[in-house]
Amino acid sequence: MGRGEGRDAPLDRVLPPGQRWRSEPELMHYGPVPRPRPDRWAFTVGGSTATGQEHVFDWSDLARLPVHEIVADMHCATRWSALDQRWAGPRAADVLELAPPAADVRYVLVFAEFGYAANLQVDDLLSARTLLATHMNGEPLPHERGAPMRLIVPHLYTWKGPKWVRGWNYLTDGSAELGFWEQRGYHRRGDAWRQERYAYQEDGPRPGEPVG
């Protein structure tokens, strides 16, 4: 077994179906770790915004938002779960309030460094437990874990919470743009408790499928 890996969760805990417990989250990401460039850092909200205009926030803008802390498990689609990680940072919902979507928006494409992106529903961002985390387990977020900021959506698989997050675009069509893993056959929702790993599990036709 790898470091921190176990067969079962503690007896008083319930894991999503098909998951195995780890005492600490595995370090996983696609591509290199980006170099810190605080002078160039910005968080951009675009797509179908309520005003029709793109919103750009610098670090000081987001630092003024209230900081919240949650304790949440991490669930990876590769079937490991790490229990009771402590995260702190502003709520994603607070950024939606600063830069709201148009009335017909139901989806977002969250993007990060090096072109990585993930599809989510707006309701997932509105959850009180969805954070733009800047701290992990009482310490500033390590760079290899996504510093200066990563998205944490506890009820979804971890690929839905990009490290090195840089913003999102509002979408009216959930099939219009697909993220990195969604383009490669992964689920557009990714609910860990429903085992939504792969696109073939989705209801209705997938992008590009003929109807009728």
N, C-alpha and C. Protein backbone atom coordinates (compact mmCIF):
# COMPACT_ATOMS: atom_id res chain seq x y z
N MET A 1 0.83 -1.19 0.00
CA MET A 1 0.00 0.00 0.00
C MET A 1 0.86 1.24 0.00
N GLY A 2 0.35 2.33 -0.63
CA GLY A 2 1.07 3.59 -0.63
C GLY A 2 1.00 4.27 0.72
N ARG A 3 1.79 5.29 0.86
CA ARG A 3 1.83 6.04 2.11
C ARG A 3 0.46 6.62 2.44
N GLY A 4 0.02 6.37 3.68
CA GLY A 4 -1.24 6.93 4.11
C GLY A 4 -2.46 6.14 3.68
N GLU A 5 -2.27 5.00 3.00
CA GLU A 5 -3.42 4.29 2.46
C GLU A 5 -3.91 3.22 3.42
N GLY A 6 -5.22 3.04 3.48
CA GLY A 6 -5.81 1.99 4.29
C GLY A 6 -6.96 1.34 3.55
N ARG A 7 -7.46 0.25 4.11
CA ARG A 7 -8.52 -0.49 3.44
C ARG A 7 -9.90 0.06 3.75
N ASP A 8 -10.09 0.55 4.96
CA ASP A 8 -11.42 0.94 5.39
C ASP A 8 -11.38 2.30 6.07
N ALA A 9 -12.52 2.99 6.01
CA ALA A 9 -12.67 4.22 6.77
C ALA A 9 -12.84 3.88 8.24
N PRO A 10 -12.61 4.86 9.13
CA PRO A 10 -12.94 4.62 10.53
C PRO A 10 -14.39 4.15 10.67
N LEU A 11 -14.64 3.34 11.69
CA LEU A 11 -15.93 2.68 11.81
C LEU A 11 -17.09 3.65 11.95
N ASP A 12 -16.83 4.86 12.45
CA ASP A 12 -17.91 5.82 12.65
C ASP A 12 -18.13 6.71 11.44
N ARG A 13 -17.48 6.42 10.31
CA ARG A 13 -17.58 7.26 9.12
C ARG A 13 -18.10 6.46 7.94
N VAL A 14 -18.78 7.16 7.06
CA VAL A 14 -19.31 6.54 5.85
C VAL A 14 -18.64 7.21 4.65
N LEU A 15 -18.08 6.40 3.77
CA LEU A 15 -17.47 6.90 2.54
C LEU A 15 -18.43 6.75 1.37
N PRO A 16 -18.28 7.56 0.34
CA PRO A 16 -19.05 7.32 -0.87
C PRO A 16 -18.77 5.91 -1.41
N PRO A 17 -19.72 5.34 -2.13
CA PRO A 17 -19.53 3.99 -2.65
C PRO A 17 -18.25 3.87 -3.49
N GLY A 18 -17.52 2.79 -3.29
CA GLY A 18 -16.35 2.50 -4.09
C GLY A 18 -15.08 3.19 -3.65
N GLN A 19 -15.11 3.96 -2.56
CA GLN A 19 -13.93 4.71 -2.12
C GLN A 19 -13.16 3.95 -1.04
N ARG A 20 -11.86 4.24 -0.96
CA ARG A 20 -10.98 3.69 0.07
C ARG A 20 -10.34 4.83 0.82
N TRP A 21 -10.16 4.65 2.11
CA TRP A 21 -9.67 5.71 2.97
C TRP A 21 -8.16 5.88 2.87
N ARG A 22 -7.73 7.16 2.90
CA ARG A 22 -6.32 7.52 3.07
C ARG A 22 -6.23 8.50 4.22
N SER A 23 -5.17 8.43 4.98
CA SER A 23 -5.00 9.35 6.10
C SER A 23 -4.63 10.75 5.64
N GLU A 24 -4.14 10.88 4.42
CA GLU A 24 -3.83 12.19 3.85
C GLU A 24 -4.07 12.14 2.36
N PRO A 25 -4.42 13.28 1.74
CA PRO A 25 -4.72 13.26 0.31
C PRO A 25 -3.48 12.98 -0.53
N GLU A 26 -3.66 12.19 -1.56
CA GLU A 26 -2.57 11.94 -2.50
C GLU A 26 -2.28 13.23 -3.27
N LEU A 27 -1.02 13.44 -3.59
CA LEU A 27 -0.63 14.63 -4.36
C LEU A 27 -0.74 14.30 -5.84
N MET A 28 -1.74 14.89 -6.50
CA MET A 28 -2.02 14.57 -7.89
C MET A 28 -2.32 15.85 -8.65
N HIS A 29 -1.80 15.97 -9.86
CA HIS A 29 -2.19 17.03 -10.77
C HIS A 29 -1.65 16.70 -12.16
N TYR A 30 -2.27 17.32 -13.15
CA TYR A 30 -1.84 17.11 -14.53
C TYR A 30 -0.90 18.25 -14.92
N GLY A 31 0.30 17.90 -15.37
CA GLY A 31 1.24 18.92 -15.80
C GLY A 31 2.08 19.44 -14.65
N PRO A 32 2.91 20.46 -14.90
CA PRO A 32 3.84 20.97 -13.89
C PRO A 32 3.15 21.87 -12.88
N VAL A 33 3.84 22.13 -11.80
CA VAL A 33 3.39 23.11 -10.81
C VAL A 33 3.79 24.50 -11.32
N PRO A 34 2.85 25.43 -11.45
CA PRO A 34 3.20 26.75 -11.99
C PRO A 34 4.05 27.56 -11.02
N ARG A 35 4.88 28.41 -11.55
CA ARG A 35 5.70 29.29 -10.72
C ARG A 35 4.83 30.40 -10.13
N PRO A 36 5.05 30.76 -8.87
CA PRO A 36 4.27 31.86 -8.27
C PRO A 36 4.58 33.19 -8.98
N ARG A 37 3.52 33.88 -9.38
CA ARG A 37 3.67 35.20 -10.00
C ARG A 37 2.60 36.13 -9.44
N PRO A 38 2.76 36.52 -8.16
CA PRO A 38 1.71 37.32 -7.52
C PRO A 38 1.41 38.63 -8.22
N ASP A 39 2.41 39.20 -8.91
CA ASP A 39 2.19 40.48 -9.59
C ASP A 39 1.30 40.32 -10.81
N ARG A 40 1.15 39.09 -11.30
CA ARG A 40 0.32 38.84 -12.48
C ARG A 40 -0.99 38.13 -12.14
N TRP A 41 -1.21 37.86 -10.85
CA TRP A 41 -2.37 37.05 -10.46
C TRP A 41 -3.65 37.87 -10.58
N ALA A 42 -4.66 37.27 -11.16
CA ALA A 42 -5.99 37.88 -11.24
C ALA A 42 -7.02 36.77 -11.30
N PHE A 43 -8.21 37.08 -10.85
CA PHE A 43 -9.33 36.14 -10.87
C PHE A 43 -10.41 36.75 -11.76
N THR A 44 -10.76 36.03 -12.83
CA THR A 44 -11.62 36.58 -13.86
C THR A 44 -12.94 35.82 -13.91
N VAL A 45 -14.04 36.56 -13.94
CA VAL A 45 -15.38 35.98 -14.10
C VAL A 45 -15.96 36.52 -15.40
N GLY A 46 -16.21 35.60 -16.33
CA GLY A 46 -16.70 36.02 -17.63
C GLY A 46 -17.84 35.16 -18.13
N GLY A 47 -17.99 35.11 -19.43
CA GLY A 47 -19.12 34.39 -20.00
C GLY A 47 -20.40 35.20 -19.89
N SER A 48 -21.50 34.53 -19.61
CA SER A 48 -22.82 35.18 -19.56
C SER A 48 -23.06 35.81 -18.19
N THR A 49 -22.37 36.91 -17.92
CA THR A 49 -22.57 37.63 -16.67
C THR A 49 -23.84 38.46 -16.74
N ALA A 50 -24.33 38.88 -15.57
CA ALA A 50 -25.57 39.67 -15.52
C ALA A 50 -25.43 40.98 -16.27
N THR A 51 -24.24 41.57 -16.25
CA THR A 51 -24.01 42.86 -16.93
C THR A 51 -23.55 42.70 -18.37
N GLY A 52 -23.18 41.46 -18.74
CA GLY A 52 -22.63 41.24 -20.06
C GLY A 52 -21.16 41.58 -20.17
N GLN A 53 -20.55 41.99 -19.04
CA GLN A 53 -19.15 42.37 -19.05
C GLN A 53 -18.32 41.42 -18.19
N GLU A 54 -17.05 41.33 -18.50
CA GLU A 54 -16.13 40.52 -17.74
C GLU A 54 -15.72 41.26 -16.47
N HIS A 55 -15.57 40.50 -15.38
CA HIS A 55 -15.15 41.07 -14.10
C HIS A 55 -13.77 40.51 -13.75
N VAL A 56 -12.85 41.38 -13.39
CA VAL A 56 -11.50 40.96 -13.04
C VAL A 56 -11.19 41.46 -11.62
N PHE A 57 -10.76 40.53 -10.75
CA PHE A 57 -10.45 40.85 -9.37
C PHE A 57 -8.97 40.56 -9.11
N ASP A 58 -8.32 41.44 -8.38
CA ASP A 58 -6.96 41.13 -7.97
C ASP A 58 -6.99 40.49 -6.58
N TRP A 59 -5.80 40.17 -6.06
CA TRP A 59 -5.74 39.45 -4.80
C TRP A 59 -6.35 40.26 -3.66
N SER A 60 -6.14 41.55 -3.65
CA SER A 60 -6.67 42.38 -2.57
C SER A 60 -8.20 42.42 -2.59
N ASP A 61 -8.80 42.33 -3.77
CA ASP A 61 -10.26 42.30 -3.86
C ASP A 61 -10.82 41.07 -3.14
N LEU A 62 -10.23 39.91 -3.41
CA LEU A 62 -10.73 38.68 -2.79
C LEU A 62 -10.33 38.59 -1.33
N ALA A 63 -9.20 39.22 -0.96
CA ALA A 63 -8.76 39.19 0.43
C ALA A 63 -9.72 39.95 1.34
N ARG A 64 -10.52 40.85 0.77
CA ARG A 64 -11.48 41.61 1.58
C ARG A 64 -12.75 40.81 1.89
N LEU A 65 -12.94 39.69 1.22
CA LEU A 65 -14.13 38.87 1.46
C LEU A 65 -14.00 38.13 2.79
N PRO A 66 -15.12 37.82 3.44
CA PRO A 66 -15.05 37.07 4.70
C PRO A 66 -14.39 35.70 4.48
N VAL A 67 -13.60 35.29 5.46
CA VAL A 67 -12.94 33.99 5.42
C VAL A 67 -13.78 32.99 6.20
N HIS A 68 -14.02 31.84 5.58
CA HIS A 68 -14.78 30.77 6.23
C HIS A 68 -13.89 29.53 6.32
N GLU A 69 -14.18 28.70 7.29
CA GLU A 69 -13.44 27.45 7.46
C GLU A 69 -14.41 26.28 7.46
N ILE A 70 -14.05 25.23 6.76
CA ILE A 70 -14.84 24.01 6.77
C ILE A 70 -13.91 22.83 7.04
N VAL A 71 -14.47 21.77 7.55
CA VAL A 71 -13.79 20.48 7.62
C VAL A 71 -14.51 19.56 6.66
N ALA A 72 -13.79 19.03 5.70
CA ALA A 72 -14.42 18.28 4.62
C ALA A 72 -13.52 17.15 4.15
N ASP A 73 -14.15 16.09 3.71
CA ASP A 73 -13.43 14.98 3.11
C ASP A 73 -13.15 15.29 1.64
N MET A 74 -12.08 14.69 1.13
CA MET A 74 -11.76 14.78 -0.29
C MET A 74 -11.98 13.42 -0.94
N HIS A 75 -12.67 13.39 -2.07
CA HIS A 75 -12.97 12.14 -2.75
C HIS A 75 -12.46 12.20 -4.19
N CYS A 76 -11.51 11.36 -4.51
CA CYS A 76 -10.93 11.33 -5.84
C CYS A 76 -11.60 10.25 -6.68
N ALA A 77 -11.77 10.52 -7.97
CA ALA A 77 -12.38 9.54 -8.87
C ALA A 77 -11.52 8.29 -9.02
N THR A 78 -10.25 8.37 -8.63
CA THR A 78 -9.40 7.17 -8.65
C THR A 78 -9.62 6.29 -7.43
N ARG A 79 -10.64 6.65 -6.61
CA ARG A 79 -11.20 5.80 -5.55
C ARG A 79 -10.53 5.92 -4.20
N TRP A 80 -9.76 6.99 -3.96
CA TRP A 80 -9.32 7.23 -2.59
C TRP A 80 -10.09 8.41 -2.01
N SER A 81 -10.20 8.39 -0.69
CA SER A 81 -10.81 9.49 0.05
C SER A 81 -9.90 9.85 1.22
N ALA A 82 -9.72 11.13 1.46
CA ALA A 82 -8.96 11.62 2.61
C ALA A 82 -9.94 12.36 3.52
N LEU A 83 -10.01 11.94 4.77
CA LEU A 83 -11.02 12.45 5.67
C LEU A 83 -10.54 13.69 6.43
N ASP A 84 -11.51 14.55 6.74
CA ASP A 84 -11.33 15.64 7.71
C ASP A 84 -10.18 16.59 7.38
N GLN A 85 -10.16 17.07 6.14
CA GLN A 85 -9.21 18.12 5.78
C GLN A 85 -9.82 19.48 6.14
N ARG A 86 -9.02 20.36 6.71
CA ARG A 86 -9.51 21.69 7.09
C ARG A 86 -9.12 22.71 6.02
N TRP A 87 -10.10 23.40 5.52
CA TRP A 87 -9.89 24.39 4.47
C TRP A 87 -10.40 25.75 4.93
N ALA A 88 -9.76 26.80 4.52
CA ALA A 88 -10.21 28.16 4.84
C ALA A 88 -10.02 29.06 3.63
N GLY A 89 -10.95 30.00 3.48
CA GLY A 89 -10.90 30.95 2.37
C GLY A 89 -12.28 31.53 2.14
N PRO A 90 -12.42 32.43 1.18
CA PRO A 90 -13.74 32.99 0.89
C PRO A 90 -14.65 31.97 0.22
N ARG A 91 -15.93 32.16 0.41
CA ARG A 91 -16.89 31.29 -0.27
C ARG A 91 -17.00 31.67 -1.75
N ALA A 92 -17.14 30.66 -2.59
CA ALA A 92 -17.38 30.93 -4.01
C ALA A 92 -18.65 31.75 -4.20
N ALA A 93 -19.64 31.51 -3.32
CA ALA A 93 -20.91 32.25 -3.43
C ALA A 93 -20.72 33.74 -3.27
N ASP A 94 -19.70 34.15 -2.49
CA ASP A 94 -19.46 35.58 -2.33
C ASP A 94 -18.95 36.21 -3.61
N VAL A 95 -18.19 35.44 -4.39
CA VAL A 95 -17.72 35.95 -5.68
C VAL A 95 -18.88 36.01 -6.67
N LEU A 96 -19.79 35.02 -6.61
CA LEU A 96 -20.98 35.08 -7.46
C LEU A 96 -21.81 36.31 -7.14
N GLU A 97 -21.82 36.73 -5.89
CA GLU A 97 -22.58 37.93 -5.52
C GLU A 97 -21.91 39.18 -6.10
N LEU A 98 -20.58 39.20 -6.11
CA LEU A 98 -19.86 40.34 -6.69
C LEU A 98 -20.01 40.39 -8.21
N ALA A 99 -20.03 39.22 -8.83
CA ALA A 99 -20.10 39.13 -10.29
C ALA A 99 -21.16 38.10 -10.65
N PRO A 100 -22.45 38.47 -10.56
CA PRO A 100 -23.52 37.49 -10.75
C PRO A 100 -23.69 37.06 -12.20
N PRO A 101 -24.25 35.87 -12.37
CA PRO A 101 -24.54 35.38 -13.72
C PRO A 101 -25.83 35.96 -14.26
N ALA A 102 -26.00 35.85 -15.57
CA ALA A 102 -27.28 36.19 -16.19
C ALA A 102 -28.35 35.22 -15.68
N ALA A 103 -29.60 35.61 -15.84
CA ALA A 103 -30.71 34.85 -15.26
C ALA A 103 -30.82 33.43 -15.80
N ASP A 104 -30.40 33.21 -17.03
CA ASP A 104 -30.57 31.89 -17.65
C ASP A 104 -29.35 31.00 -17.50
N VAL A 105 -28.36 31.40 -16.72
CA VAL A 105 -27.15 30.61 -16.53
C VAL A 105 -27.41 29.50 -15.52
N ARG A 106 -26.99 28.29 -15.86
CA ARG A 106 -27.11 27.15 -14.95
C ARG A 106 -25.77 26.45 -14.74
N TYR A 107 -24.76 26.80 -15.53
CA TYR A 107 -23.49 26.07 -15.51
C TYR A 107 -22.32 27.04 -15.48
N VAL A 108 -21.18 26.53 -15.09
CA VAL A 108 -19.95 27.30 -15.15
C VAL A 108 -18.82 26.41 -15.65
N LEU A 109 -17.85 27.04 -16.26
CA LEU A 109 -16.59 26.38 -16.60
C LEU A 109 -15.52 27.06 -15.76
N VAL A 110 -15.01 26.35 -14.75
CA VAL A 110 -13.99 26.87 -13.87
C VAL A 110 -12.63 26.62 -14.51
N PHE A 111 -11.79 27.65 -14.60
CA PHE A 111 -10.51 27.47 -15.28
C PHE A 111 -9.35 27.81 -14.34
N ALA A 112 -8.19 27.27 -14.68
CA ALA A 112 -7.01 27.39 -13.83
C ALA A 112 -5.78 27.58 -14.72
N GLU A 113 -4.62 27.52 -14.09
CA GLU A 113 -3.37 27.66 -14.83
C GLU A 113 -3.22 26.57 -15.89
N PHE A 114 -2.43 26.88 -16.92
CA PHE A 114 -2.06 25.94 -17.98
C PHE A 114 -3.26 25.42 -18.76
N GLY A 115 -4.38 26.16 -18.76
CA GLY A 115 -5.52 25.77 -19.56
C GLY A 115 -6.41 24.71 -18.96
N TYR A 116 -6.12 24.30 -17.72
CA TYR A 116 -6.99 23.31 -17.08
C TYR A 116 -8.35 23.93 -16.80
N ALA A 117 -9.43 23.13 -16.91
CA ALA A 117 -10.78 23.62 -16.63
C ALA A 117 -11.65 22.45 -16.19
N ALA A 118 -12.75 22.76 -15.51
CA ALA A 118 -13.69 21.73 -15.05
C ALA A 118 -15.10 22.30 -15.10
N ASN A 119 -16.05 21.46 -15.48
CA ASN A 119 -17.45 21.85 -15.55
C ASN A 119 -18.14 21.67 -14.20
N LEU A 120 -18.94 22.65 -13.82
CA LEU A 120 -19.76 22.58 -12.61
C LEU A 120 -21.12 23.19 -12.90
N GLN A 121 -22.04 22.93 -11.99
CA GLN A 121 -23.31 23.63 -12.01
C GLN A 121 -23.22 24.84 -11.08
N VAL A 122 -23.96 25.89 -11.41
CA VAL A 122 -23.96 27.08 -10.56
C VAL A 122 -24.34 26.73 -9.13
N ASP A 123 -25.29 25.82 -8.97
CA ASP A 123 -25.72 25.43 -7.62
C ASP A 123 -24.57 24.87 -6.80
N ASP A 124 -23.61 24.21 -7.46
CA ASP A 124 -22.46 23.68 -6.73
C ASP A 124 -21.59 24.81 -6.19
N LEU A 125 -21.44 25.88 -6.96
CA LEU A 125 -20.68 27.03 -6.48
C LEU A 125 -21.41 27.77 -5.37
N LEU A 126 -22.72 27.73 -5.38
CA LEU A 126 -23.51 28.44 -4.39
C LEU A 126 -23.56 27.75 -3.04
N SER A 127 -23.11 26.51 -2.97
CA SER A 127 -23.11 25.80 -1.69
C SER A 127 -22.28 26.56 -0.66
N ALA A 128 -22.77 26.62 0.57
CA ALA A 128 -22.04 27.31 1.64
C ALA A 128 -20.73 26.61 1.97
N ARG A 129 -20.55 25.37 1.52
CA ARG A 129 -19.33 24.61 1.79
C ARG A 129 -18.34 24.65 0.62
N THR A 130 -18.66 25.38 -0.42
CA THR A 130 -17.74 25.51 -1.55
C THR A 130 -16.85 26.73 -1.32
N LEU A 131 -15.55 26.49 -1.21
CA LEU A 131 -14.61 27.55 -0.87
C LEU A 131 -13.58 27.77 -1.98
N LEU A 132 -13.09 28.99 -2.03
CA LEU A 132 -11.88 29.31 -2.77
C LEU A 132 -10.76 29.28 -1.73
N ALA A 133 -10.21 28.11 -1.50
CA ALA A 133 -9.35 27.88 -0.34
C ALA A 133 -7.97 28.49 -0.53
N THR A 134 -7.54 29.18 0.52
CA THR A 134 -6.18 29.73 0.58
C THR A 134 -5.35 29.07 1.68
N HIS A 135 -6.01 28.29 2.55
CA HIS A 135 -5.34 27.63 3.66
C HIS A 135 -5.82 26.18 3.77
N MET A 136 -4.92 25.33 4.21
CA MET A 136 -5.21 23.90 4.36
C MET A 136 -4.64 23.42 5.69
N ASN A 137 -5.50 22.86 6.51
CA ASN A 137 -5.08 22.32 7.80
C ASN A 137 -4.31 23.33 8.65
N GLY A 138 -4.81 24.57 8.65
CA GLY A 138 -4.27 25.60 9.51
C GLY A 138 -3.05 26.32 8.98
N GLU A 139 -2.59 25.97 7.79
CA GLU A 139 -1.40 26.59 7.21
C GLU A 139 -1.74 27.15 5.83
N PRO A 140 -0.96 28.15 5.37
CA PRO A 140 -1.16 28.61 3.99
C PRO A 140 -1.09 27.43 3.02
N LEU A 141 -1.92 27.46 2.03
CA LEU A 141 -1.99 26.36 1.07
C LEU A 141 -0.63 26.13 0.43
N PRO A 142 -0.08 24.91 0.50
CA PRO A 142 1.19 24.65 -0.18
C PRO A 142 1.06 24.84 -1.68
N HIS A 143 2.14 25.26 -2.31
CA HIS A 143 2.04 25.55 -3.74
C HIS A 143 1.68 24.31 -4.55
N GLU A 144 2.24 23.16 -4.17
CA GLU A 144 1.91 21.94 -4.91
C GLU A 144 0.47 21.49 -4.68
N ARG A 145 -0.19 22.06 -3.66
CA ARG A 145 -1.60 21.76 -3.40
C ARG A 145 -2.53 22.80 -4.03
N GLY A 146 -1.96 23.79 -4.74
CA GLY A 146 -2.80 24.72 -5.48
C GLY A 146 -2.68 26.18 -5.12
N ALA A 147 -1.72 26.56 -4.28
CA ALA A 147 -1.56 27.97 -3.90
C ALA A 147 -1.33 28.85 -5.14
N PRO A 148 -1.87 30.06 -5.10
CA PRO A 148 -2.41 30.71 -3.91
C PRO A 148 -3.86 30.38 -3.59
N MET A 149 -4.57 29.69 -4.50
CA MET A 149 -6.00 29.46 -4.29
C MET A 149 -6.44 28.25 -5.10
N ARG A 150 -7.27 27.42 -4.48
CA ARG A 150 -7.88 26.31 -5.21
C ARG A 150 -9.35 26.23 -4.84
N LEU A 151 -10.12 25.65 -5.71
CA LEU A 151 -11.55 25.48 -5.46
C LEU A 151 -11.78 24.18 -4.71
N ILE A 152 -12.58 24.22 -3.66
CA ILE A 152 -12.94 23.04 -2.88
C ILE A 152 -14.45 22.88 -2.94
N VAL A 153 -14.91 21.76 -3.51
CA VAL A 153 -16.34 21.44 -3.61
C VAL A 153 -16.51 20.05 -2.99
N PRO A 154 -16.74 19.96 -1.70
CA PRO A 154 -16.60 18.67 -1.00
C PRO A 154 -17.48 17.53 -1.51
N HIS A 155 -18.66 17.83 -2.04
CA HIS A 155 -19.55 16.74 -2.45
C HIS A 155 -19.23 16.21 -3.85
N LEU A 156 -18.32 16.87 -4.56
CA LEU A 156 -17.93 16.42 -5.90
C LEU A 156 -16.54 15.79 -5.85
N TYR A 157 -16.23 14.99 -6.86
CA TYR A 157 -14.88 14.43 -6.97
C TYR A 157 -13.86 15.57 -7.10
N THR A 158 -12.65 15.28 -6.68
CA THR A 158 -11.65 16.35 -6.57
C THR A 158 -11.27 17.00 -7.90
N TRP A 159 -11.47 16.31 -9.03
CA TRP A 159 -11.08 16.96 -10.29
C TRP A 159 -11.97 18.18 -10.58
N LYS A 160 -13.10 18.28 -9.89
CA LYS A 160 -14.00 19.42 -10.07
C LYS A 160 -13.53 20.66 -9.31
N GLY A 161 -12.51 20.51 -8.47
CA GLY A 161 -11.98 21.63 -7.72
C GLY A 161 -10.57 21.95 -8.15
N PRO A 162 -10.39 22.70 -9.22
CA PRO A 162 -9.05 22.92 -9.76
C PRO A 162 -8.10 23.59 -8.78
N LYS A 163 -6.85 23.10 -8.78
CA LYS A 163 -5.77 23.84 -8.15
C LYS A 163 -5.44 25.06 -9.00
N TRP A 164 -4.76 26.02 -8.38
CA TRP A 164 -4.29 27.23 -9.10
C TRP A 164 -5.43 27.88 -9.89
N VAL A 165 -6.61 27.93 -9.26
CA VAL A 165 -7.80 28.43 -9.94
C VAL A 165 -7.64 29.91 -10.27
N ARG A 166 -8.17 30.30 -11.45
CA ARG A 166 -8.03 31.68 -11.92
C ARG A 166 -9.37 32.32 -12.32
N GLY A 167 -10.49 31.58 -12.13
CA GLY A 167 -11.77 32.19 -12.44
C GLY A 167 -12.74 31.20 -13.04
N TRP A 168 -13.84 31.73 -13.56
CA TRP A 168 -14.82 30.89 -14.24
C TRP A 168 -15.61 31.69 -15.26
N ASN A 169 -16.20 30.95 -16.18
CA ASN A 169 -17.10 31.53 -17.17
C ASN A 169 -18.49 30.96 -16.97
N TYR A 170 -19.50 31.82 -17.00
CA TYR A 170 -20.88 31.37 -16.89
C TYR A 170 -21.35 30.85 -18.24
N LEU A 171 -22.08 29.73 -18.19
CA LEU A 171 -22.58 29.09 -19.41
C LEU A 171 -24.08 28.89 -19.31
N THR A 172 -24.78 29.09 -20.40
CA THR A 172 -26.21 28.78 -20.45
C THR A 172 -26.46 27.36 -20.93
N ASP A 173 -25.47 26.76 -21.55
CA ASP A 173 -25.56 25.40 -22.08
C ASP A 173 -24.44 24.57 -21.46
N GLY A 174 -24.81 23.53 -20.70
CA GLY A 174 -23.81 22.71 -20.03
C GLY A 174 -22.93 21.90 -20.96
N SER A 175 -23.31 21.82 -22.24
CA SER A 175 -22.51 21.08 -23.21
C SER A 175 -21.68 21.99 -24.10
N ALA A 176 -21.83 23.31 -23.91
CA ALA A 176 -21.18 24.24 -24.83
C ALA A 176 -19.67 24.18 -24.73
N GLU A 177 -19.14 24.09 -23.53
CA GLU A 177 -17.70 24.01 -23.31
C GLU A 177 -17.44 22.94 -22.27
N LEU A 178 -16.47 22.09 -22.54
CA LEU A 178 -16.15 21.02 -21.61
C LEU A 178 -14.75 21.23 -21.05
N GLY A 179 -14.57 20.84 -19.79
CA GLY A 179 -13.29 20.95 -19.14
C GLY A 179 -12.32 19.87 -19.57
N PHE A 180 -11.14 19.87 -18.94
CA PHE A 180 -10.06 18.97 -19.33
C PHE A 180 -10.49 17.51 -19.26
N TRP A 181 -10.97 17.06 -18.11
CA TRP A 181 -11.33 15.65 -17.98
C TRP A 181 -12.68 15.35 -18.61
N GLU A 182 -13.57 16.33 -18.66
CA GLU A 182 -14.86 16.11 -19.31
C GLU A 182 -14.68 15.86 -20.81
N GLN A 183 -13.70 16.51 -21.42
CA GLN A 183 -13.39 16.24 -22.82
C GLN A 183 -12.88 14.81 -23.03
N ARG A 184 -12.37 14.23 -21.97
CA ARG A 184 -11.78 12.88 -22.04
C ARG A 184 -12.71 11.82 -21.48
N GLY A 185 -14.00 12.12 -21.43
CA GLY A 185 -14.98 11.09 -21.09
C GLY A 185 -15.44 11.05 -19.65
N TYR A 186 -15.11 12.10 -18.88
CA TYR A 186 -15.56 12.13 -17.48
C TYR A 186 -16.87 12.91 -17.35
N HIS A 187 -17.53 12.68 -16.24
CA HIS A 187 -18.89 13.17 -16.00
C HIS A 187 -18.93 14.69 -15.87
N ARG A 188 -20.01 15.31 -16.36
CA ARG A 188 -20.12 16.75 -16.26
C ARG A 188 -20.52 17.22 -14.86
N ARG A 189 -21.10 16.35 -14.04
CA ARG A 189 -21.46 16.75 -12.66
C ARG A 189 -20.42 16.26 -11.67
N GLY A 190 -20.17 14.94 -11.61
CA GLY A 190 -19.11 14.42 -10.76
C GLY A 190 -19.46 14.32 -9.29
N ASP A 191 -20.72 13.99 -8.97
CA ASP A 191 -21.14 13.81 -7.58
C ASP A 191 -20.52 12.51 -7.05
N ALA A 192 -19.70 12.62 -6.01
CA ALA A 192 -19.01 11.45 -5.47
C ALA A 192 -19.97 10.45 -4.86
N TRP A 193 -21.05 10.94 -4.27
CA TRP A 193 -21.99 10.04 -3.59
C TRP A 193 -22.85 9.27 -4.57
N ARG A 194 -22.92 9.75 -5.80
CA ARG A 194 -23.66 9.04 -6.86
C ARG A 194 -22.71 8.28 -7.79
N GLN A 195 -21.43 8.29 -7.49
CA GLN A 195 -20.40 7.65 -8.31
C GLN A 195 -20.46 8.14 -9.76
N GLU A 196 -20.61 9.43 -9.94
CA GLU A 196 -20.70 10.01 -11.28
C GLU A 196 -19.30 10.26 -11.83
N ARG A 197 -18.68 9.21 -12.30
CA ARG A 197 -17.31 9.32 -12.80
C ARG A 197 -17.25 9.59 -14.30
N TYR A 198 -18.09 8.90 -15.07
CA TYR A 198 -17.89 8.86 -16.52
C TYR A 198 -19.09 9.41 -17.28
N ALA A 199 -18.82 9.92 -18.48
CA ALA A 199 -19.86 10.55 -19.29
C ALA A 199 -20.97 9.59 -19.66
N TYR A 200 -20.66 8.30 -19.80
CA TYR A 200 -21.71 7.36 -20.21
C TYR A 200 -22.78 7.20 -19.13
N GLN A 201 -22.50 7.67 -17.90
CA GLN A 201 -23.50 7.61 -16.83
C GLN A 201 -24.48 8.76 -16.88
N GLU A 202 -24.24 9.75 -17.71
CA GLU A 202 -25.10 10.92 -17.74
C GLU A 202 -26.44 10.59 -18.39
N ASP A 203 -27.48 11.29 -17.94
CA ASP A 203 -28.81 11.14 -18.52
C ASP A 203 -28.87 11.95 -19.81
N GLY A 204 -29.55 11.41 -20.82
CA GLY A 204 -29.73 12.14 -22.05
C GLY A 204 -28.54 12.05 -22.97
N PRO A 205 -28.63 12.62 -24.18
CA PRO A 205 -27.54 12.55 -25.15
C PRO A 205 -26.33 13.35 -24.69
N ARG A 206 -25.14 12.83 -25.00
CA ARG A 206 -23.90 13.52 -24.69
C ARG A 206 -23.56 14.48 -25.82
N PRO A 207 -22.68 15.41 -25.57
CA PRO A 207 -22.32 16.38 -26.61
C PRO A 207 -21.91 15.68 -27.92
N GLY A 208 -22.50 16.11 -29.03
CA GLY A 208 -22.17 15.55 -30.33
C GLY A 208 -23.00 14.33 -30.72
N GLU A 209 -23.81 13.80 -29.78
CA GLU A 209 -24.66 12.65 -30.11
C GLU A 209 -25.88 13.11 -30.89
N PRO A 210 -26.29 12.36 -31.90
CA PRO A 210 -27.53 12.69 -32.59
C PRO A 210 -28.74 12.40 -31.70
N VAL A 211 -29.78 13.17 -31.85
CA VAL A 211 -31.01 12.99 -31.07
C VAL A 211 -32.08 12.44 -31.99
N GLY A 212 -32.77 11.36 -31.57
CA GLY A 212 -33.85 10.79 -32.36
C GLY A 212 -33.36 9.82 -33.41
